[in-house]
Amino acid sequence: MREADTPQTNLWVVPPGSRLEIALGDLSTAQYDGHSWAERLMDGLPENEQEVIKRRFGLGGFDPSTFEEVGHAMDYSREWIRQLQNRALGHLSILADEIRERNLT
């Protein structure tokens, strides 16, 4: 997959009803200092997990892609991409929970 040719106003719109939205919960649409929480939380992931999430869910200028398409682009197997996605979603969920806890205290 290639990055989008035309600039978009928001490259970090989390797809409604996606597993990414479920992992982020209320932070999936929240903004912080002009950036989405999705974008900020992604910075806490290892680079390969970031890229998988971006490519799978169409963030950061990528088109949404299948496990197979992401695997081909990153030179990994479809199964490894699935595992990386699941690991990344778990990490994002934990990071989102930590943000919520800090904001409640």
N, C-alpha and C. Protein backbone atom coordinates (compact mmCIF):
# COMPACT_ATOMS: atom_id res chain seq x y z
N MET A 1 0.84 -1.18 0.00
CA MET A 1 0.00 0.00 0.00
C MET A 1 0.88 1.24 0.00
N ARG A 2 0.39 2.30 -0.53
CA ARG A 2 1.13 3.54 -0.57
C ARG A 2 0.43 4.58 0.30
N GLU A 3 1.19 5.56 0.71
CA GLU A 3 0.58 6.65 1.46
C GLU A 3 -0.28 7.46 0.51
N ALA A 4 -1.30 8.09 1.06
CA ALA A 4 -2.22 8.86 0.24
C ALA A 4 -1.50 9.97 -0.51
N ASP A 5 -1.89 10.21 -1.77
CA ASP A 5 -1.28 11.25 -2.59
C ASP A 5 -1.81 12.63 -2.23
N THR A 6 -3.06 12.70 -1.82
CA THR A 6 -3.65 13.99 -1.51
C THR A 6 -3.69 14.20 -0.01
N PRO A 7 -3.43 15.43 0.43
CA PRO A 7 -3.46 15.70 1.87
C PRO A 7 -4.88 15.56 2.41
N GLN A 8 -4.98 15.00 3.59
CA GLN A 8 -6.26 14.87 4.26
C GLN A 8 -6.24 15.78 5.47
N THR A 9 -7.44 16.21 5.89
CA THR A 9 -7.48 17.11 7.03
C THR A 9 -7.13 16.40 8.32
N ASN A 10 -7.55 15.16 8.48
CA ASN A 10 -7.23 14.41 9.69
C ASN A 10 -6.84 12.99 9.31
N LEU A 11 -5.56 12.69 9.44
CA LEU A 11 -5.07 11.37 9.07
C LEU A 11 -5.21 10.37 10.22
N TRP A 12 -5.84 10.80 11.32
CA TRP A 12 -5.93 9.95 12.50
C TRP A 12 -7.37 9.73 12.93
N VAL A 13 -8.28 9.55 12.00
CA VAL A 13 -9.66 9.26 12.32
C VAL A 13 -9.79 7.75 12.53
N VAL A 14 -10.11 7.36 13.75
CA VAL A 14 -10.23 5.94 14.08
C VAL A 14 -11.54 5.42 13.49
N PRO A 15 -11.49 4.33 12.71
CA PRO A 15 -12.71 3.81 12.11
C PRO A 15 -13.74 3.40 13.17
N PRO A 16 -14.97 3.94 13.08
CA PRO A 16 -16.01 3.59 14.05
C PRO A 16 -16.30 2.08 14.04
N GLY A 17 -16.45 1.52 15.21
CA GLY A 17 -16.75 0.09 15.34
C GLY A 17 -15.57 -0.84 15.15
N SER A 18 -14.38 -0.29 14.89
CA SER A 18 -13.20 -1.12 14.67
C SER A 18 -12.64 -1.62 16.00
N ARG A 19 -11.79 -2.64 15.92
CA ARG A 19 -11.13 -3.13 17.13
C ARG A 19 -10.24 -2.06 17.73
N LEU A 20 -9.74 -1.15 16.89
CA LEU A 20 -8.93 -0.03 17.40
C LEU A 20 -9.79 0.90 18.23
N GLU A 21 -11.00 1.19 17.78
CA GLU A 21 -11.90 2.05 18.55
C GLU A 21 -12.24 1.39 19.89
N ILE A 22 -12.44 0.10 19.87
CA ILE A 22 -12.75 -0.63 21.12
C ILE A 22 -11.57 -0.54 22.08
N ALA A 23 -10.34 -0.70 21.57
CA ALA A 23 -9.15 -0.65 22.43
C ALA A 23 -8.97 0.74 23.04
N LEU A 24 -9.26 1.78 22.26
CA LEU A 24 -9.05 3.14 22.75
C LEU A 24 -10.24 3.68 23.53
N GLY A 25 -11.41 3.13 23.30
CA GLY A 25 -12.60 3.59 24.01
C GLY A 25 -12.87 5.05 23.73
N ASP A 26 -13.18 5.80 24.80
CA ASP A 26 -13.54 7.21 24.64
C ASP A 26 -12.39 8.06 24.11
N LEU A 27 -11.17 7.57 24.17
CA LEU A 27 -10.03 8.34 23.66
C LEU A 27 -9.91 8.25 22.14
N SER A 28 -10.72 7.40 21.49
CA SER A 28 -10.61 7.23 20.04
C SER A 28 -10.98 8.49 19.28
N THR A 29 -11.81 9.36 19.87
CA THR A 29 -12.20 10.59 19.18
C THR A 29 -11.73 11.85 19.92
N ALA A 30 -11.13 11.67 21.08
CA ALA A 30 -10.71 12.82 21.89
C ALA A 30 -9.48 13.49 21.30
N GLN A 31 -9.35 14.78 21.55
CA GLN A 31 -8.22 15.58 21.07
C GLN A 31 -7.38 16.05 22.27
N TYR A 32 -6.09 16.24 22.03
CA TYR A 32 -5.18 16.75 23.05
C TYR A 32 -4.17 17.64 22.35
N ASP A 33 -4.13 18.90 22.70
CA ASP A 33 -3.22 19.87 22.07
C ASP A 33 -3.28 19.82 20.55
N GLY A 34 -4.48 19.69 20.00
CA GLY A 34 -4.65 19.70 18.55
C GLY A 34 -4.35 18.39 17.86
N HIS A 35 -3.99 17.38 18.60
CA HIS A 35 -3.71 16.06 18.02
C HIS A 35 -4.69 15.05 18.61
N SER A 36 -4.96 14.01 17.86
CA SER A 36 -5.86 12.98 18.39
C SER A 36 -5.10 12.13 19.41
N TRP A 37 -5.84 11.61 20.37
CA TRP A 37 -5.22 10.71 21.34
C TRP A 37 -4.72 9.46 20.65
N ALA A 38 -5.39 9.04 19.58
CA ALA A 38 -4.92 7.86 18.84
C ALA A 38 -3.49 8.08 18.36
N GLU A 39 -3.24 9.25 17.80
CA GLU A 39 -1.90 9.57 17.31
C GLU A 39 -0.89 9.61 18.46
N ARG A 40 -1.26 10.24 19.56
CA ARG A 40 -0.35 10.35 20.71
C ARG A 40 -0.05 8.98 21.31
N LEU A 41 -1.06 8.14 21.43
CA LEU A 41 -0.86 6.82 22.01
C LEU A 41 0.00 5.93 21.12
N MET A 42 -0.10 6.12 19.81
CA MET A 42 0.70 5.32 18.88
C MET A 42 2.19 5.52 19.13
N ASP A 43 2.57 6.71 19.61
CA ASP A 43 3.98 6.99 19.88
C ASP A 43 4.54 6.05 20.95
N GLY A 44 3.67 5.45 21.77
CA GLY A 44 4.12 4.53 22.81
C GLY A 44 4.34 3.11 22.34
N LEU A 45 4.09 2.84 21.06
CA LEU A 45 4.25 1.50 20.50
C LEU A 45 5.59 1.36 19.78
N PRO A 46 6.11 0.13 19.72
CA PRO A 46 7.28 -0.10 18.88
C PRO A 46 6.94 0.22 17.41
N GLU A 47 7.94 0.57 16.62
CA GLU A 47 7.71 1.00 15.24
C GLU A 47 6.94 -0.02 14.41
N ASN A 48 7.28 -1.32 14.54
CA ASN A 48 6.58 -2.29 13.69
C ASN A 48 5.10 -2.40 14.07
N GLU A 49 4.76 -2.26 15.34
CA GLU A 49 3.36 -2.28 15.76
C GLU A 49 2.64 -1.02 15.28
N GLN A 50 3.33 0.12 15.33
CA GLN A 50 2.74 1.36 14.81
C GLN A 50 2.38 1.21 13.34
N GLU A 51 3.31 0.68 12.57
CA GLU A 51 3.07 0.55 11.14
C GLU A 51 1.93 -0.41 10.84
N VAL A 52 1.86 -1.51 11.57
CA VAL A 52 0.76 -2.46 11.36
C VAL A 52 -0.58 -1.78 11.63
N ILE A 53 -0.69 -1.06 12.73
CA ILE A 53 -1.96 -0.40 13.07
C ILE A 53 -2.30 0.65 12.01
N LYS A 54 -1.33 1.45 11.61
CA LYS A 54 -1.58 2.46 10.58
C LYS A 54 -2.08 1.82 9.29
N ARG A 55 -1.40 0.78 8.86
CA ARG A 55 -1.77 0.14 7.59
C ARG A 55 -3.10 -0.61 7.70
N ARG A 56 -3.33 -1.30 8.79
CA ARG A 56 -4.57 -2.07 8.93
C ARG A 56 -5.80 -1.18 9.02
N PHE A 57 -5.70 -0.07 9.76
CA PHE A 57 -6.88 0.77 10.01
C PHE A 57 -6.90 2.05 9.19
N GLY A 58 -5.94 2.22 8.28
CA GLY A 58 -5.96 3.37 7.39
C GLY A 58 -5.65 4.68 8.08
N LEU A 59 -4.66 4.69 8.95
CA LEU A 59 -4.26 5.90 9.67
C LEU A 59 -2.98 6.46 9.08
N GLY A 60 -2.70 7.72 9.38
CA GLY A 60 -1.44 8.33 8.99
C GLY A 60 -1.19 8.37 7.49
N GLY A 61 -2.26 8.40 6.70
CA GLY A 61 -2.12 8.51 5.26
C GLY A 61 -2.17 7.19 4.51
N PHE A 62 -2.26 6.07 5.20
CA PHE A 62 -2.37 4.78 4.55
C PHE A 62 -3.84 4.44 4.28
N ASP A 63 -4.07 3.63 3.26
CA ASP A 63 -5.40 3.08 3.01
C ASP A 63 -5.57 1.86 3.91
N PRO A 64 -6.80 1.58 4.40
CA PRO A 64 -7.01 0.35 5.18
C PRO A 64 -6.62 -0.87 4.35
N SER A 65 -5.95 -1.83 4.99
CA SER A 65 -5.43 -2.99 4.27
C SER A 65 -5.72 -4.28 5.01
N THR A 66 -5.70 -5.37 4.29
CA THR A 66 -5.89 -6.70 4.87
C THR A 66 -4.59 -7.15 5.53
N PHE A 67 -4.67 -8.22 6.33
CA PHE A 67 -3.46 -8.80 6.92
C PHE A 67 -2.47 -9.16 5.82
N GLU A 68 -2.98 -9.76 4.76
CA GLU A 68 -2.11 -10.20 3.67
C GLU A 68 -1.43 -9.01 2.98
N GLU A 69 -2.16 -7.94 2.73
CA GLU A 69 -1.58 -6.76 2.10
C GLU A 69 -0.51 -6.12 2.98
N VAL A 70 -0.79 -6.03 4.27
CA VAL A 70 0.19 -5.45 5.19
C VAL A 70 1.42 -6.34 5.26
N GLY A 71 1.20 -7.65 5.33
CA GLY A 71 2.32 -8.58 5.37
C GLY A 71 3.21 -8.46 4.15
N HIS A 72 2.60 -8.33 3.00
CA HIS A 72 3.37 -8.17 1.76
C HIS A 72 4.18 -6.88 1.80
N ALA A 73 3.56 -5.78 2.22
CA ALA A 73 4.25 -4.48 2.26
C ALA A 73 5.40 -4.47 3.26
N MET A 74 5.23 -5.21 4.38
CA MET A 74 6.24 -5.19 5.43
C MET A 74 7.16 -6.41 5.38
N ASP A 75 6.91 -7.31 4.43
CA ASP A 75 7.69 -8.54 4.27
C ASP A 75 7.59 -9.46 5.49
N TYR A 76 6.36 -9.57 6.01
CA TYR A 76 6.04 -10.50 7.09
C TYR A 76 4.90 -11.40 6.64
N SER A 77 4.71 -12.50 7.34
CA SER A 77 3.58 -13.37 7.01
C SER A 77 2.28 -12.74 7.51
N ARG A 78 1.19 -13.16 6.89
CA ARG A 78 -0.14 -12.71 7.28
C ARG A 78 -0.39 -12.99 8.77
N GLU A 79 0.01 -14.16 9.22
CA GLU A 79 -0.18 -14.56 10.62
C GLU A 79 0.62 -13.67 11.57
N TRP A 80 1.85 -13.33 11.19
CA TRP A 80 2.67 -12.47 12.04
C TRP A 80 2.05 -11.08 12.15
N ILE A 81 1.46 -10.58 11.07
CA ILE A 81 0.78 -9.28 11.09
C ILE A 81 -0.41 -9.35 12.03
N ARG A 82 -1.15 -10.44 11.98
CA ARG A 82 -2.30 -10.61 12.88
C ARG A 82 -1.83 -10.57 14.34
N GLN A 83 -0.75 -11.27 14.63
CA GLN A 83 -0.22 -11.29 16.00
C GLN A 83 0.28 -9.91 16.42
N LEU A 84 0.97 -9.22 15.53
CA LEU A 84 1.44 -7.86 15.85
C LEU A 84 0.26 -6.92 16.10
N GLN A 85 -0.79 -7.05 15.29
CA GLN A 85 -1.97 -6.21 15.50
C GLN A 85 -2.58 -6.47 16.87
N ASN A 86 -2.74 -7.73 17.23
CA ASN A 86 -3.32 -8.06 18.53
C ASN A 86 -2.46 -7.55 19.67
N ARG A 87 -1.16 -7.68 19.54
CA ARG A 87 -0.24 -7.18 20.57
C ARG A 87 -0.36 -5.65 20.67
N ALA A 88 -0.38 -4.97 19.54
CA ALA A 88 -0.48 -3.51 19.52
C ALA A 88 -1.80 -3.04 20.12
N LEU A 89 -2.90 -3.71 19.79
CA LEU A 89 -4.20 -3.33 20.35
C LEU A 89 -4.20 -3.50 21.87
N GLY A 90 -3.56 -4.56 22.35
CA GLY A 90 -3.44 -4.75 23.80
C GLY A 90 -2.64 -3.64 24.44
N HIS A 91 -1.52 -3.28 23.81
CA HIS A 91 -0.69 -2.18 24.34
C HIS A 91 -1.47 -0.87 24.34
N LEU A 92 -2.20 -0.59 23.26
CA LEU A 92 -2.97 0.65 23.17
C LEU A 92 -4.06 0.71 24.23
N SER A 93 -4.68 -0.42 24.49
CA SER A 93 -5.72 -0.49 25.51
C SER A 93 -5.14 -0.17 26.89
N ILE A 94 -3.98 -0.72 27.19
CA ILE A 94 -3.31 -0.46 28.47
C ILE A 94 -2.92 1.01 28.57
N LEU A 95 -2.34 1.56 27.49
CA LEU A 95 -1.95 2.97 27.49
C LEU A 95 -3.18 3.87 27.68
N ALA A 96 -4.28 3.54 27.01
CA ALA A 96 -5.51 4.34 27.14
C ALA A 96 -6.03 4.28 28.58
N ASP A 97 -6.00 3.10 29.19
CA ASP A 97 -6.42 2.96 30.59
C ASP A 97 -5.55 3.80 31.52
N GLU A 98 -4.24 3.83 31.28
CA GLU A 98 -3.34 4.62 32.11
C GLU A 98 -3.65 6.11 31.99
N ILE A 99 -3.96 6.58 30.78
CA ILE A 99 -4.33 7.98 30.57
C ILE A 99 -5.60 8.30 31.34
N ARG A 100 -6.59 7.44 31.25
CA ARG A 100 -7.85 7.67 31.95
C ARG A 100 -7.64 7.73 33.45
N GLU A 101 -6.83 6.82 33.99
CA GLU A 101 -6.56 6.80 35.43
C GLU A 101 -5.87 8.09 35.86
N ARG A 102 -4.90 8.57 35.09
CA ARG A 102 -4.20 9.81 35.43
C ARG A 102 -5.14 11.01 35.40
N ASN A 103 -6.08 11.00 34.48
CA ASN A 103 -7.01 12.11 34.37
C ASN A 103 -8.09 12.08 35.44
N LEU A 104 -8.31 10.93 36.05
CA LEU A 104 -9.31 10.81 37.12
C LEU A 104 -8.74 11.14 38.48
N THR A 105 -7.43 11.09 38.65
CA THR A 105 -6.82 11.34 39.95
C THR A 105 -6.32 12.75 40.09
